[in-house]
Every structure is written in structure tokens, then in C-alpha cells.
Amino acid sequence: MTLPRQSSFRLDGKRALVTGAGRGIGLAAATALAQAGADVTLAARSLDEITSAAEAINATGNTARPLALDVADTEGVQLALNSCEPFDILVNNAGTNRPAAFVDVTTSDFDAIIGLNVKGAFFVAQKVAQQMIAAGRRGSIINMSSQMGHVGAARRSVYCASKHAIEGLTKAMAIELGPSGIRVNTIGPTFVETPMTRPFFEDEKFRQDVLSKIKLGRLGQVEDISGAIVFLASDASALMTGAALLLDGGWTAE
């Protein structure tokens, strides 16, 4: 009897780009990809932060390098990525939020959230995909979404709009890029404790309200996301595209 070949989670010989990689989920993604064997480029506006992160990854015997990049600067993205060799993996992670009641949202809030979460993510993915296609590389693009790309929530109207947009964008990208061997999927975490979200949880009422909706009864940690990122980046998910992988602790189950 010939047993089926086991899919590999290894990423040796692959080049990966992670945006928003200086901290939180982005740093966890970069670390996990490097540990799986990828040559990882950490991109963020804060060069000092990603340089320190890359040095820490390299100190473990893995391979990483920093790239100063403001995802909201479309022209700057084009120039920066023109200087890079094509990537095999993109973790499109840079994003932001400015919680506010719907009736109080300002045009500045709207433009900042949509500009980074949608426009920025769109044009980073477009550039990476263009380079993959030109080089004849099959690849994986992972758009960081949220459980809020599947439900609604108070004080998060623009954020929900941005993540619902990412879910639709991902499906359209998967249809167009599939013939080139490029897979596109989303990861949708629940509330994860990161430097960006931690101040919100200082409000005990908010914290308890969040925990009441997470069926597993705890906030997410960045390590909870790492395995899914390696899975989607690797051949272990070779037949998966246009899909949403929810890591929401059961939030959207009801």
C-alpha cells in the first residue's frame, strides 16, 4: 500500500513580506514564518522597531530583515517594493482602528481607517501579486481581517466596513489570481491582546462584554494566530483560496 504524501508546513526557500511587523500580530507572524524556514522581510513605519525585531529573529538562527514602509503611502509602497525581489508570501497585516459611535465618526476617522485597512492593503497586495506573476511564482497572500468582517459591533462602524471590504476583496482576488497559482485567504481573529488593543481592556465593562461573547472565555494572544499564518502560507493549505479562517473563540457561532 502506498500511503498519501503528508503536506508540509515548512517554508524553506520562500520569501515572505509582513506589514505592520513591528509588534503584535505582525511580529508574531514574522517570527512564525521565519521559524518555519522563510526569509522574512518585516515592514513598518518604525524602522527602529522592525530593525530590533529582525535582529532578534536573526539571533535565533533564522533569517529576517527590516523594510521601512508606510502602507498608507501608495507611491512609497511602489518604490519600496520595486527594490525587493519578488515574494512568495504576503501577510497583509498593517491596520488601525478609531472606535467611535456611528453618529460621531469624523471624516478624518473614516479616511484614516479606510485608507490604511482597505486602500493600503489593496495596493500592497496588488504590487506583490504583480511581482509574483512577472516572476512566474506561485504564492500565498494572507489578508488580515477580523471577526468584525463577518458581524457588526457598536462603535466600530468604519472598522467593520473596512474588514467586510477585505473579505470581499479577498474573494475577488482569489478568482483573478488563482489561474496564476496565487492563493488568497483571510484570517479573522477575535480581540487579541496587543499594544494597540491593550488600552481598550483597561475599561473593565468593555473587557467583560468582550469576554461574554467569546465562547472560550478568554482574549486571544498573538501566539494563537501564528499557526494559522504558517498553515495558510504553506503547502498544507494548497487547495484553499478565497476562504476566511476565523480564529474568534466562537464569537460568530451564534
Foldseek 3Di string as FASTA:
>chain_A
DDDDDDFDLADAPFEEEFEPLLWFLNVLQQLLNQVSHYQYEYEYQDQVSVQVSQVVSVVVVTHYYYFHDDLLPLVRLLVRCVVPQAGQEYELDDFAADFDAPVPDDPVRLCRHCSRLPVSSVSNVVNNLVNCLVVLHAHEYEYEAAVLLVPPDGRGVSNSVSRVNVLVVQLVCQVVCVVSNYAGEYEHEAAEDIPRCVVVVVPVVVVVVSLVLQQQRDHHYSNLCNVVSSCRGGCVCSVDHSYYHYRYNCNPVD
